Amino acid sequence: MERRSFSDAGRISVTVEISSNDGQNEITLANIPLCMTIGDLKQKLHVAPNSHLGRPKEFENWDNQRQLSDYFVRDHEQLVCVLQSTKEDVQSSCDDYDQWLAKRTDGGTK
């Protein structure tokens, strides 16, 4: 039976399809830790923090502050990142949709 060291445990490989107006690009990242945050993953992919990241065929926008393990990402899973061409003023300072929506709602009622 093969033993894995602690440093190897919780590491996965993912392929991310990045979609933009210019077309699509696929990037494979190997040996990344499941404890990596979504924001850190976006940095590795060289995409803006407001880009939408999630699984294909599901409308998702994962929170930049949460870890990959929070979304039960599996080894060799295919993910999709949609680059955002425009962003609203308040959204640019928020990492997740719920924060953006809360700020937008609070700003509209005061």
PDB file of N, CA and C in Angstrom:
ATOM      1  N   MET A   1       0.832  -1.176   0.000  1.00  0.00           N
ATOM      2  CA  MET A   1       0.000   0.000   0.000  1.00  0.00           C
ATOM      3  C   MET A   1       0.886   1.252   0.000  1.00  0.00           C
ATOM      4  N   GLU A   2       0.618   2.162  -0.936  1.00  0.00           N
ATOM      5  CA  GLU A   2       1.411   3.379  -1.043  1.00  0.00           C
ATOM      6  C   GLU A   2       0.981   4.371   0.027  1.00  0.00           C
ATOM      7  N   ARG A   3       1.965   4.938   0.703  1.00  0.00           N
ATOM      8  CA  ARG A   3       1.666   5.926   1.730  1.00  0.00           C
ATOM      9  C   ARG A   3       1.905   7.314   1.150  1.00  0.00           C
ATOM     10  N   ARG A   4       1.010   8.206   1.443  1.00  0.00           N
ATOM     11  CA  ARG A   4       1.157   9.592   0.997  1.00  0.00           C
ATOM     12  C   ARG A   4       1.644  10.418   2.164  1.00  0.00           C
ATOM     13  N   SER A   5       2.555  11.317   1.879  1.00  0.00           N
ATOM     14  CA  SER A   5       3.016  12.202   2.938  1.00  0.00           C
ATOM     15  C   SER A   5       1.933  13.238   3.208  1.00  0.00           C
ATOM     16  N   PHE A   6       2.042  13.882   4.343  1.00  0.00           N
ATOM     17  CA  PHE A   6       1.051  14.892   4.705  1.00  0.00           C
ATOM     18  C   PHE A   6       1.035  16.022   3.685  1.00  0.00           C
ATOM     19  N   SER A   7       2.209  16.354   3.139  1.00  0.00           N
ATOM     20  CA  SER A   7       2.278  17.461   2.189  1.00  0.00           C
ATOM     21  C   SER A   7       1.585  17.121   0.874  1.00  0.00           C
ATOM     22  N   ASP A   8       1.461  15.833   0.526  1.00  0.00           N
ATOM     23  CA  ASP A   8       0.781  15.424  -0.699  1.00  0.00           C
ATOM     24  C   ASP A   8      -0.731  15.328  -0.516  1.00  0.00           C
ATOM     25  N   ALA A   9      -1.171  15.163   0.737  1.00  0.00           N
ATOM     26  CA  ALA A   9      -2.604  15.011   0.992  1.00  0.00           C
ATOM     27  C   ALA A   9      -3.317  16.321   0.714  1.00  0.00           C
ATOM     28  N   GLY A  10      -4.498  16.233   0.120  1.00  0.00           N
ATOM     29  CA  GLY A  10      -5.291  17.424  -0.119  1.00  0.00           C
ATOM     30  C   GLY A  10      -4.806  18.264  -1.284  1.00  0.00           C
ATOM     31  N   ARG A  11      -4.110  17.642  -2.233  1.00  0.00           N
ATOM     32  CA  ARG A  11      -3.662  18.356  -3.430  1.00  0.00           C
ATOM     33  C   ARG A  11      -4.364  17.761  -4.640  1.00  0.00           C
ATOM     34  N   ILE A  12      -4.760  18.649  -5.546  1.00  0.00           N
ATOM     35  CA  ILE A  12      -5.514  18.216  -6.716  1.00  0.00           C
ATOM     36  C   ILE A  12      -4.993  18.898  -7.976  1.00  0.00           C
ATOM     37  N   SER A  13      -5.475  18.434  -9.094  1.00  0.00           N
ATOM     38  CA  SER A  13      -5.231  19.082 -10.384  1.00  0.00           C
ATOM     39  C   SER A  13      -6.586  19.465 -10.957  1.00  0.00           C
ATOM     40  N   VAL A  14      -6.666  20.656 -11.530  1.00  0.00           N
ATOM     41  CA  VAL A  14      -7.910  21.113 -12.155  1.00  0.00           C
ATOM     42  C   VAL A  14      -7.593  21.727 -13.512  1.00  0.00           C
ATOM     43  N   THR A  15      -8.569  21.670 -14.393  1.00  0.00           N
ATOM     44  CA  THR A  15      -8.475  22.349 -15.675  1.00  0.00           C
ATOM     45  C   THR A  15      -9.543  23.428 -15.683  1.00  0.00           C
ATOM     46  N   VAL A  16      -9.133  24.647 -16.003  1.00  0.00           N
ATOM     47  CA  VAL A  16     -10.049  25.778 -15.994  1.00  0.00           C
ATOM     48  C   VAL A  16     -10.158  26.331 -17.410  1.00  0.00           C
ATOM     49  N   GLU A  17     -11.378  26.378 -17.902  1.00  0.00           N
ATOM     50  CA  GLU A  17     -11.647  26.991 -19.201  1.00  0.00           C
ATOM     51  C   GLU A  17     -11.975  28.455 -18.956  1.00  0.00           C
ATOM     52  N   ILE A  18     -11.171  29.333 -19.514  1.00  0.00           N
ATOM     53  CA  ILE A  18     -11.369  30.762 -19.329  1.00  0.00           C
ATOM     54  C   ILE A  18     -12.040  31.316 -20.572  1.00  0.00           C
ATOM     55  N   SER A  19     -13.226  31.894 -20.391  1.00  0.00           N
ATOM     56  CA  SER A  19     -14.003  32.433 -21.500  1.00  0.00           C
ATOM     57  C   SER A  19     -14.014  33.947 -21.444  1.00  0.00           C
ATOM     58  N   SER A  20     -13.807  34.552 -22.594  1.00  0.00           N
ATOM     59  CA  SER A  20     -13.883  36.011 -22.703  1.00  0.00           C
ATOM     60  C   SER A  20     -14.425  36.348 -24.083  1.00  0.00           C
ATOM     61  N   ASN A  21     -14.558  37.634 -24.363  1.00  0.00           N
ATOM     62  CA  ASN A  21     -15.028  38.057 -25.678  1.00  0.00           C
ATOM     63  C   ASN A  21     -14.061  37.638 -26.778  1.00  0.00           C
ATOM     64  N   ASP A  22     -12.786  37.464 -26.439  1.00  0.00           N
ATOM     65  CA  ASP A  22     -11.758  37.106 -27.416  1.00  0.00           C
ATOM     66  C   ASP A  22     -11.730  35.615 -27.736  1.00  0.00           C
ATOM     67  N   GLY A  23     -12.450  34.799 -26.988  1.00  0.00           N
ATOM     68  CA  GLY A  23     -12.442  33.358 -27.223  1.00  0.00           C
ATOM     69  C   GLY A  23     -12.277  32.608 -25.921  1.00  0.00           C
ATOM     70  N   GLN A  24     -11.744  31.385 -26.036  1.00  0.00           N
ATOM     71  CA  GLN A  24     -11.584  30.537 -24.863  1.00  0.00           C
ATOM     72  C   GLN A  24     -10.150  30.057 -24.758  1.00  0.00           C
ATOM     73  N   ASN A  25      -9.727  29.835 -23.529  1.00  0.00           N
ATOM     74  CA  ASN A  25      -8.391  29.358 -23.249  1.00  0.00           C
ATOM     75  C   ASN A  25      -8.511  28.337 -22.125  1.00  0.00           C
ATOM     76  N   GLU A  26      -7.749  27.261 -22.179  1.00  0.00           N
ATOM     77  CA  GLU A  26      -7.803  26.244 -21.145  1.00  0.00           C
ATOM     78  C   GLU A  26      -6.463  26.172 -20.431  1.00  0.00           C
ATOM     79  N   ILE A  27      -6.518  26.205 -19.108  1.00  0.00           N
ATOM     80  CA  ILE A  27      -5.303  26.147 -18.288  1.00  0.00           C
ATOM     81  C   ILE A  27      -5.450  24.995 -17.304  1.00  0.00           C
ATOM     82  N   THR A  28      -4.416  24.163 -17.202  1.00  0.00           N
ATOM     83  CA  THR A  28      -4.399  23.082 -16.226  1.00  0.00           C
ATOM     84  C   THR A  28      -3.422  23.438 -15.125  1.00  0.00           C
ATOM     85  N   LEU A  29      -3.907  23.367 -13.895  1.00  0.00           N
ATOM     86  CA  LEU A  29      -3.068  23.616 -12.729  1.00  0.00           C
ATOM     87  C   LEU A  29      -2.927  22.303 -11.966  1.00  0.00           C
ATOM     88  N   ALA A  30      -1.698  21.890 -11.728  1.00  0.00           N
ATOM     89  CA  ALA A  30      -1.446  20.622 -11.054  1.00  0.00           C
ATOM     90  C   ALA A  30      -0.926  20.857  -9.642  1.00  0.00           C
ATOM     91  N   ASN A  31      -1.245  19.923  -8.783  1.00  0.00           N
ATOM     92  CA  ASN A  31      -0.704  19.882  -7.431  1.00  0.00           C
ATOM     93  C   ASN A  31      -1.030  21.145  -6.628  1.00  0.00           C
ATOM     94  N   ILE A  32      -2.264  21.598  -6.721  1.00  0.00           N
ATOM     95  CA  ILE A  32      -2.672  22.765  -5.930  1.00  0.00           C
ATOM     96  C   ILE A  32      -3.395  22.274  -4.672  1.00  0.00           C
ATOM     97  N   PRO A  33      -3.236  22.970  -3.562  1.00  0.00           N
ATOM     98  CA  PRO A  33      -3.861  22.515  -2.315  1.00  0.00           C
ATOM     99  C   PRO A  33      -5.361  22.814  -2.284  1.00  0.00           C
ATOM    100  N   LEU A  34      -6.106  21.904  -1.705  1.00  0.00           N
ATOM    101  CA  LEU A  34      -7.544  22.121  -1.536  1.00  0.00           C
ATOM    102  C   LEU A  34      -7.833  23.287  -0.606  1.00  0.00           C
ATOM    103  N   CYS A  35      -6.866  23.669   0.206  1.00  0.00           N
ATOM    104  CA  CYS A  35      -7.067  24.790   1.118  1.00  0.00           C
ATOM    105  C   CYS A  35      -6.835  26.140   0.424  1.00  0.00           C
ATOM    106  N   MET A  36      -6.474  26.120  -0.862  1.00  0.00           N
ATOM    107  CA  MET A  36      -6.280  27.367  -1.605  1.00  0.00           C
ATOM    108  C   MET A  36      -7.619  28.085  -1.726  1.00  0.00           C
ATOM    109  N   THR A  37      -7.591  29.404  -1.552  1.00  0.00           N
ATOM    110  CA  THR A  37      -8.835  30.165  -1.684  1.00  0.00           C
ATOM    111  C   THR A  37      -9.140  30.391  -3.163  1.00  0.00           C
ATOM    112  N   ILE A  38     -10.391  30.684  -3.431  1.00  0.00           N
ATOM    113  CA  ILE A  38     -10.821  30.977  -4.800  1.00  0.00           C
ATOM    114  C   ILE A  38     -10.089  32.214  -5.314  1.00  0.00           C
ATOM    115  N   GLY A  39      -9.910  33.206  -4.458  1.00  0.00           N
ATOM    116  CA  GLY A  39      -9.170  34.410  -4.833  1.00  0.00           C
ATOM    117  C   GLY A  39      -7.730  34.107  -5.232  1.00  0.00           C
ATOM    118  N   ASP A  40      -7.074  33.214  -4.477  1.00  0.00           N
ATOM    119  CA  ASP A  40      -5.702  32.810  -4.815  1.00  0.00           C
ATOM    120  C   ASP A  40      -5.664  32.052  -6.137  1.00  0.00           C
ATOM    121  N   LEU A  41      -6.666  31.222  -6.369  1.00  0.00           N
ATOM    122  CA  LEU A  41      -6.745  30.494  -7.635  1.00  0.00           C
ATOM    123  C   LEU A  41      -6.891  31.473  -8.800  1.00  0.00           C
ATOM    124  N   LYS A  42      -7.723  32.486  -8.630  1.00  0.00           N
ATOM    125  CA  LYS A  42      -7.887  33.495  -9.680  1.00  0.00           C
ATOM    126  C   LYS A  42      -6.579  34.232  -9.937  1.00  0.00           C
ATOM    127  N   GLN A  43      -5.806  34.483  -8.876  1.00  0.00           N
ATOM    128  CA  GLN A  43      -4.498  35.121  -9.056  1.00  0.00           C
ATOM    129  C   GLN A  43      -3.568  34.230  -9.864  1.00  0.00           C
ATOM    130  N   LYS A  44      -3.573  32.931  -9.561  1.00  0.00           N
ATOM    131  CA  LYS A  44      -2.744  31.992 -10.320  1.00  0.00           C
ATOM    132  C   LYS A  44      -3.150  31.950 -11.791  1.00  0.00           C
ATOM    133  N   LEU A  45      -4.442  32.126 -12.045  1.00  0.00           N
ATOM    134  CA  LEU A  45      -4.955  32.111 -13.412  1.00  0.00           C
ATOM    135  C   LEU A  45      -4.764  33.464 -14.116  1.00  0.00           C
ATOM    136  N   HIS A  46      -4.332  34.465 -13.361  1.00  0.00           N
ATOM    137  CA  HIS A  46      -4.147  35.837 -13.882  1.00  0.00           C
ATOM    138  C   HIS A  46      -5.455  36.415 -14.418  1.00  0.00           C
ATOM    139  N   VAL A  47      -6.524  36.244 -13.622  1.00  0.00           N
ATOM    140  CA  VAL A  47      -7.820  36.826 -13.971  1.00  0.00           C
ATOM    141  C   VAL A  47      -8.252  37.782 -12.857  1.00  0.00           C
ATOM    142  N   ALA A  48      -9.120  38.696 -13.178  1.00  0.00           N
ATOM    143  CA  ALA A  48      -9.590  39.689 -12.213  1.00  0.00           C
ATOM    144  C   ALA A  48     -10.409  39.031 -11.097  1.00  0.00           C
ATOM    145  N   PRO A  49     -10.384  39.620  -9.910  1.00  0.00           N
ATOM    146  CA  PRO A  49     -11.148  39.069  -8.783  1.00  0.00           C
ATOM    147  C   PRO A  49     -12.654  39.000  -9.038  1.00  0.00           C
ATOM    148  N   ASN A  50     -13.182  39.855  -9.923  1.00  0.00           N
ATOM    149  CA  ASN A  50     -14.625  39.836 -10.169  1.00  0.00           C
ATOM    150  C   ASN A  50     -15.031  38.830 -11.241  1.00  0.00           C
ATOM    151  N   SER A  51     -14.090  38.064 -11.772  1.00  0.00           N
ATOM    152  CA  SER A  51     -14.420  37.021 -12.744  1.00  0.00           C
ATOM    153  C   SER A  51     -15.246  35.934 -12.070  1.00  0.00           C
ATOM    154  N   HIS A  52     -16.180  35.369 -12.806  1.00  0.00           N
ATOM    155  CA  HIS A  52     -17.055  34.322 -12.259  1.00  0.00           C
ATOM    156  C   HIS A  52     -16.386  32.965 -12.437  1.00  0.00           C
ATOM    157  N   LEU A  53     -16.223  32.233 -11.345  1.00  0.00           N
ATOM    158  CA  LEU A  53     -15.589  30.915 -11.368  1.00  0.00           C
ATOM    159  C   LEU A  53     -16.560  29.897 -10.806  1.00  0.00           C
ATOM    160  N   GLY A  54     -16.656  28.748 -11.451  1.00  0.00           N
ATOM    161  CA  GLY A  54     -17.537  27.692 -10.977  1.00  0.00           C
ATOM    162  C   GLY A  54     -17.489  26.497 -11.893  1.00  0.00           C
ATOM    163  N   ARG A  55     -18.471  25.650 -11.757  1.00  0.00           N
ATOM    164  CA  ARG A  55     -18.551  24.444 -12.592  1.00  0.00           C
ATOM    165  C   ARG A  55     -19.337  24.740 -13.877  1.00  0.00           C
ATOM    166  N   PRO A  56     -18.986  24.041 -14.954  1.00  0.00           N
ATOM    167  CA  PRO A  56     -19.756  24.237 -16.188  1.00  0.00           C
ATOM    168  C   PRO A  56     -21.196  23.750 -16.000  1.00  0.00           C
ATOM    169  N   LYS A  57     -22.096  24.306 -16.734  1.00  0.00           N
ATOM    170  CA  LYS A  57     -23.518  23.935 -16.729  1.00  0.00           C
ATOM    171  C   LYS A  57     -24.219  24.280 -15.417  1.00  0.00           C
ATOM    172  N   GLU A  58     -23.555  25.029 -14.540  1.00  0.00           N
ATOM    173  CA  GLU A  58     -24.169  25.498 -13.298  1.00  0.00           C
ATOM    174  C   GLU A  58     -23.836  26.972 -13.187  1.00  0.00           C
ATOM    175  N   PHE A  59     -24.818  27.806 -12.938  1.00  0.00           N
ATOM    176  CA  PHE A  59     -24.537  29.227 -12.810  1.00  0.00           C
ATOM    177  C   PHE A  59     -23.988  29.463 -11.415  1.00  0.00           C
ATOM    178  N   GLU A  60     -22.684  29.617 -11.327  1.00  0.00           N
ATOM    179  CA  GLU A  60     -22.047  29.801 -10.037  1.00  0.00           C
ATOM    180  C   GLU A  60     -21.074  30.969 -10.106  1.00  0.00           C
ATOM    181  N   ASN A  61     -20.870  31.591  -8.991  1.00  0.00           N
ATOM    182  CA  ASN A  61     -19.823  32.585  -8.821  1.00  0.00           C
ATOM    183  C   ASN A  61     -19.279  32.377  -7.419  1.00  0.00           C
ATOM    184  N   TRP A  62     -18.194  31.644  -7.326  1.00  0.00           N
ATOM    185  CA  TRP A  62     -17.668  31.260  -6.031  1.00  0.00           C
ATOM    186  C   TRP A  62     -17.031  32.437  -5.312  1.00  0.00           C
ATOM    187  N   ASP A  63     -17.201  32.466  -3.999  1.00  0.00           N
ATOM    188  CA  ASP A  63     -16.685  33.500  -3.112  1.00  0.00           C
ATOM    189  C   ASP A  63     -15.152  33.435  -3.074  1.00  0.00           C
ATOM    190  N   ASN A  64     -14.495  34.547  -3.327  1.00  0.00           N
ATOM    191  CA  ASN A  64     -13.032  34.605  -3.370  1.00  0.00           C
ATOM    192  C   ASN A  64     -12.372  34.242  -2.046  1.00  0.00           C
ATOM    193  N   GLN A  65     -13.085  34.370  -0.941  1.00  0.00           N
ATOM    194  CA  GLN A  65     -12.494  34.130   0.375  1.00  0.00           C
ATOM    195  C   GLN A  65     -12.641  32.686   0.835  1.00  0.00           C
ATOM    196  N   ARG A  66     -13.416  31.892   0.120  1.00  0.00           N
ATOM    197  CA  ARG A  66     -13.610  30.491   0.519  1.00  0.00           C
ATOM    198  C   ARG A  66     -12.582  29.590  -0.149  1.00  0.00           C
ATOM    199  N   GLN A  67     -12.394  28.411   0.409  1.00  0.00           N
ATOM    200  CA  GLN A  67     -11.414  27.464  -0.109  1.00  0.00           C
ATOM    201  C   GLN A  67     -12.036  26.532  -1.144  1.00  0.00           C
ATOM    202  N   LEU A  68     -11.182  25.947  -1.974  1.00  0.00           N
ATOM    203  CA  LEU A  68     -11.653  24.972  -2.970  1.00  0.00           C
ATOM    204  C   LEU A  68     -12.412  23.826  -2.295  1.00  0.00           C
ATOM    205  N   SER A  69     -11.937  23.404  -1.126  1.00  0.00           N
ATOM    206  CA  SER A  69     -12.588  22.289  -0.420  1.00  0.00           C
ATOM    207  C   SER A  69     -14.017  22.628  -0.022  1.00  0.00           C
ATOM    208  N   ASP A  70     -14.326  23.914   0.164  1.00  0.00           N
ATOM    209  CA  ASP A  70     -15.690  24.320   0.518  1.00  0.00           C
ATOM    210  C   ASP A  70     -16.677  24.007  -0.606  1.00  0.00           C
ATOM    211  N   TYR A  71     -16.172  23.916  -1.823  1.00  0.00           N
ATOM    212  CA  TYR A  71     -17.020  23.624  -2.988  1.00  0.00           C
ATOM    213  C   TYR A  71     -16.873  22.177  -3.457  1.00  0.00           C
ATOM    214  N   PHE A  72     -16.210  21.346  -2.646  1.00  0.00           N
ATOM    215  CA  PHE A  72     -16.046  19.922  -2.929  1.00  0.00           C
ATOM    216  C   PHE A  72     -15.442  19.675  -4.320  1.00  0.00           C
ATOM    217  N   VAL A  73     -14.413  20.450  -4.649  1.00  0.00           N
ATOM    218  CA  VAL A  73     -13.730  20.300  -5.933  1.00  0.00           C
ATOM    219  C   VAL A  73     -12.963  18.982  -5.909  1.00  0.00           C
ATOM    220  N   ARG A  74     -13.124  18.205  -6.976  1.00  0.00           N
ATOM    221  CA  ARG A  74     -12.481  16.893  -7.074  1.00  0.00           C
ATOM    222  C   ARG A  74     -11.230  16.969  -7.954  1.00  0.00           C
ATOM    223  N   ASP A  75     -10.341  16.009  -7.763  1.00  0.00           N
ATOM    224  CA  ASP A  75      -9.136  15.915  -8.575  1.00  0.00           C
ATOM    225  C   ASP A  75      -9.514  15.741 -10.046  1.00  0.00           C
ATOM    226  N   HIS A  76      -8.859  16.457 -10.913  1.00  0.00           N
ATOM    227  CA  HIS A  76      -9.058  16.428 -12.374  1.00  0.00           C
ATOM    228  C   HIS A  76     -10.423  16.969 -12.784  1.00  0.00           C
ATOM    229  N   GLU A  77     -11.008  17.814 -11.969  1.00  0.00           N
ATOM    230  CA  GLU A  77     -12.305  18.401 -12.317  1.00  0.00           C
ATOM    231  C   GLU A  77     -12.121  19.556 -13.302  1.00  0.00           C
ATOM    232  N   GLN A  78     -13.119  19.733 -14.150  1.00  0.00           N
ATOM    233  CA  GLN A  78     -13.148  20.825 -15.128  1.00  0.00           C
ATOM    234  C   GLN A  78     -13.947  21.985 -14.530  1.00  0.00           C
ATOM    235  N   LEU A  79     -13.364  23.174 -14.521  1.00  0.00           N
ATOM    236  CA  LEU A  79     -14.033  24.377 -14.026  1.00  0.00           C
ATOM    237  C   LEU A  79     -14.098  25.406 -15.147  1.00  0.00           C
ATOM    238  N   VAL A  80     -14.938  26.408 -14.959  1.00  0.00           N
ATOM    239  CA  VAL A  80     -15.097  27.473 -15.949  1.00  0.00           C
ATOM    240  C   VAL A  80     -14.913  28.812 -15.250  1.00  0.00           C
ATOM    241  N   CYS A  81     -14.194  29.709 -15.915  1.00  0.00           N
ATOM    242  CA  CYS A  81     -14.015  31.068 -15.415  1.00  0.00           C
ATOM    243  C   CYS A  81     -14.459  32.017 -16.525  1.00  0.00           C
ATOM    244  N   VAL A  82     -15.442  32.850 -16.219  1.00  0.00           N
ATOM    245  CA  VAL A  82     -15.942  33.820 -17.189  1.00  0.00           C
ATOM    246  C   VAL A  82     -15.436  35.193 -16.795  1.00  0.00           C
ATOM    247  N   LEU A  83     -14.646  35.784 -17.681  1.00  0.00           N
ATOM    248  CA  LEU A  83     -14.101  37.108 -17.410  1.00  0.00           C
ATOM    249  C   LEU A  83     -15.204  38.139 -17.532  1.00  0.00           C
ATOM    250  N   GLN A  84     -15.212  39.091 -16.634  1.00  0.00           N
ATOM    251  CA  GLN A  84     -16.215  40.151 -16.657  1.00  0.00           C
ATOM    252  C   GLN A  84     -15.636  41.358 -17.385  1.00  0.00           C
ATOM    253  N   SER A  85     -16.345  41.835 -18.388  1.00  0.00           N
ATOM    254  CA  SER A  85     -15.835  42.962 -19.164  1.00  0.00           C
ATOM    255  C   SER A  85     -16.171  44.293 -18.521  1.00  0.00           C
ATOM    256  N   THR A  86     -17.257  44.343 -17.751  1.00  0.00           N
ATOM    257  CA  THR A  86     -17.614  45.575 -17.051  1.00  0.00           C
ATOM    258  C   THR A  86     -17.977  45.222 -15.627  1.00  0.00           C
ATOM    259  N   LYS A  87     -17.821  46.199 -14.746  1.00  0.00           N
ATOM    260  CA  LYS A  87     -18.223  45.988 -13.363  1.00  0.00           C
ATOM    261  C   LYS A  87     -18.786  47.283 -12.822  1.00  0.00           C
ATOM    262  N   GLU A  88     -19.761  47.150 -11.972  1.00  0.00           N
ATOM    263  CA  GLU A  88     -20.351  48.332 -11.364  1.00  0.00           C
ATOM    264  C   GLU A  88     -19.425  48.871 -10.290  1.00  0.00           C
ATOM    265  N   ASP A  89     -19.543  50.144  -9.990  1.00  0.00           N
ATOM    266  CA  ASP A  89     -18.638  50.802  -9.050  1.00  0.00           C
ATOM    267  C   ASP A  89     -18.545  50.077  -7.712  1.00  0.00           C
ATOM    268  N   VAL A  90     -19.669  49.742  -7.117  1.00  0.00           N
ATOM    269  CA  VAL A  90     -19.650  49.098  -5.806  1.00  0.00           C
ATOM    270  C   VAL A  90     -19.118  47.684  -5.916  1.00  0.00           C
ATOM    271  N   GLN A  91     -19.417  46.987  -7.012  1.00  0.00           N
ATOM    272  CA  GLN A  91     -19.003  45.599  -7.147  1.00  0.00           C
ATOM    273  C   GLN A  91     -17.490  45.462  -7.206  1.00  0.00           C
ATOM    274  N   SER A  92     -16.790  46.452  -7.715  1.00  0.00           N
ATOM    275  CA  SER A  92     -15.343  46.354  -7.861  1.00  0.00           C
ATOM    276  C   SER A  92     -14.634  46.193  -6.519  1.00  0.00           C
ATOM    277  N   SER A  93     -15.252  46.624  -5.429  1.00  0.00           N
ATOM    278  CA  SER A  93     -14.611  46.510  -4.125  1.00  0.00           C
ATOM    279  C   SER A  93     -15.118  45.307  -3.328  1.00  0.00           C
ATOM    280  N   CYS A  94     -15.941  44.479  -3.918  1.00  0.00           N
ATOM    281  CA  CYS A  94     -16.504  43.321  -3.216  1.00  0.00           C
ATOM    282  C   CYS A  94     -16.003  42.025  -3.834  1.00  0.00           C
ATOM    283  N   ASP A  95     -15.777  41.031  -2.988  1.00  0.00           N
ATOM    284  CA  ASP A  95     -15.300  39.750  -3.484  1.00  0.00           C
ATOM    285  C   ASP A  95     -16.420  38.788  -3.824  1.00  0.00           C
ATOM    286  N   ASP A  96     -17.553  38.894  -3.190  1.00  0.00           N
ATOM    287  CA  ASP A  96     -18.609  37.949  -3.533  1.00  0.00           C
ATOM    288  C   ASP A  96     -19.925  38.678  -3.780  1.00  0.00           C
ATOM    289  N   TYR A  97     -20.787  37.991  -4.443  1.00  0.00           N
ATOM    290  CA  TYR A  97     -22.048  38.579  -4.881  1.00  0.00           C
ATOM    291  C   TYR A  97     -22.913  39.023  -3.710  1.00  0.00           C
ATOM    292  N   ASP A  98     -22.920  38.260  -2.621  1.00  0.00           N
ATOM    293  CA  ASP A  98     -23.745  38.608  -1.468  1.00  0.00           C
ATOM    294  C   ASP A  98     -23.299  39.934  -0.854  1.00  0.00           C
ATOM    295  N   GLN A  99     -21.975  40.143  -0.750  1.00  0.00           N
ATOM    296  CA  GLN A  99     -21.469  41.411  -0.225  1.00  0.00           C
ATOM    297  C   GLN A  99     -21.862  42.557  -1.156  1.00  0.00           C
ATOM    298  N   TRP A 100     -21.704  42.326  -2.442  1.00  0.00           N
ATOM    299  CA  TRP A 100     -22.047  43.350  -3.432  1.00  0.00           C
ATOM    300  C   TRP A 100     -23.525  43.716  -3.344  1.00  0.00           C
ATOM    301  N   LEU A 101     -24.372  42.687  -3.248  1.00  0.00           N
ATOM    302  CA  LEU A 101     -25.804  42.915  -3.184  1.00  0.00           C
ATOM    303  C   LEU A 101     -26.174  43.653  -1.904  1.00  0.00           C
ATOM    304  N   ALA A 102     -25.549  43.281  -0.782  1.00  0.00           N
ATOM    305  CA  ALA A 102     -25.834  43.939   0.489  1.00  0.00           C
ATOM    306  C   ALA A 102     -25.448  45.423   0.437  1.00  0.00           C
ATOM    307  N   LYS A 103     -24.288  45.725  -0.126  1.00  0.00           N
ATOM    308  CA  LYS A 103     -23.866  47.126  -0.235  1.00  0.00           C
ATOM    309  C   LYS A 103     -24.794  47.897  -1.150  1.00  0.00           C
ATOM    310  N   ARG A 104     -25.210  47.253  -2.219  1.00  0.00           N
ATOM    311  CA  ARG A 104     -26.088  47.919  -3.183  1.00  0.00           C
ATOM    312  C   ARG A 104     -27.450  48.200  -2.552  1.00  0.00           C
ATOM    313  N   THR A 105     -27.970  47.242  -1.778  1.00  0.00           N
ATOM    314  CA  THR A 105     -29.257  47.398  -1.106  1.00  0.00           C
ATOM    315  C   THR A 105     -29.167  48.469  -0.030  1.00  0.00           C
ATOM    316  N   ASP A 106     -28.095  48.431   0.788  1.00  0.00           N
ATOM    317  CA  ASP A 106     -27.916  49.433   1.843  1.00  0.00           C
ATOM    318  C   ASP A 106     -27.772  50.823   1.255  1.00  0.00           C
ATOM    319  N   GLY A 107     -27.045  50.931   0.151  1.00  0.00           N
ATOM    320  CA  GLY A 107     -26.835  52.225  -0.486  1.00  0.00           C
ATOM    321  C   GLY A 107     -28.110  52.798  -1.065  1.00  0.00           C
ATOM    322  N   GLY A 108     -29.024  51.929  -1.479  1.00  0.00           N
ATOM    323  CA  GLY A 108     -30.264  52.393  -2.086  1.00  0.00           C
ATOM    324  C   GLY A 108     -31.312  52.808  -1.076  1.00  0.00           C
ATOM    325  N   THR A 109     -31.169  52.363   0.197  1.00  0.00           N
ATOM    326  CA  THR A 109     -32.192  52.669   1.201  1.00  0.00           C
ATOM    327  C   THR A 109     -31.819  53.853   2.069  1.00  0.00           C
ATOM    328  N   LYS A 110     -30.578  54.301   2.017  1.00  0.00           N
ATOM    329  CA  LYS A 110     -30.146  55.408   2.884  1.00  0.00           C
ATOM    330  C   LYS A 110     -30.276  56.719   2.184  1.00  0.00           C
TER     331      LYS A 110
END
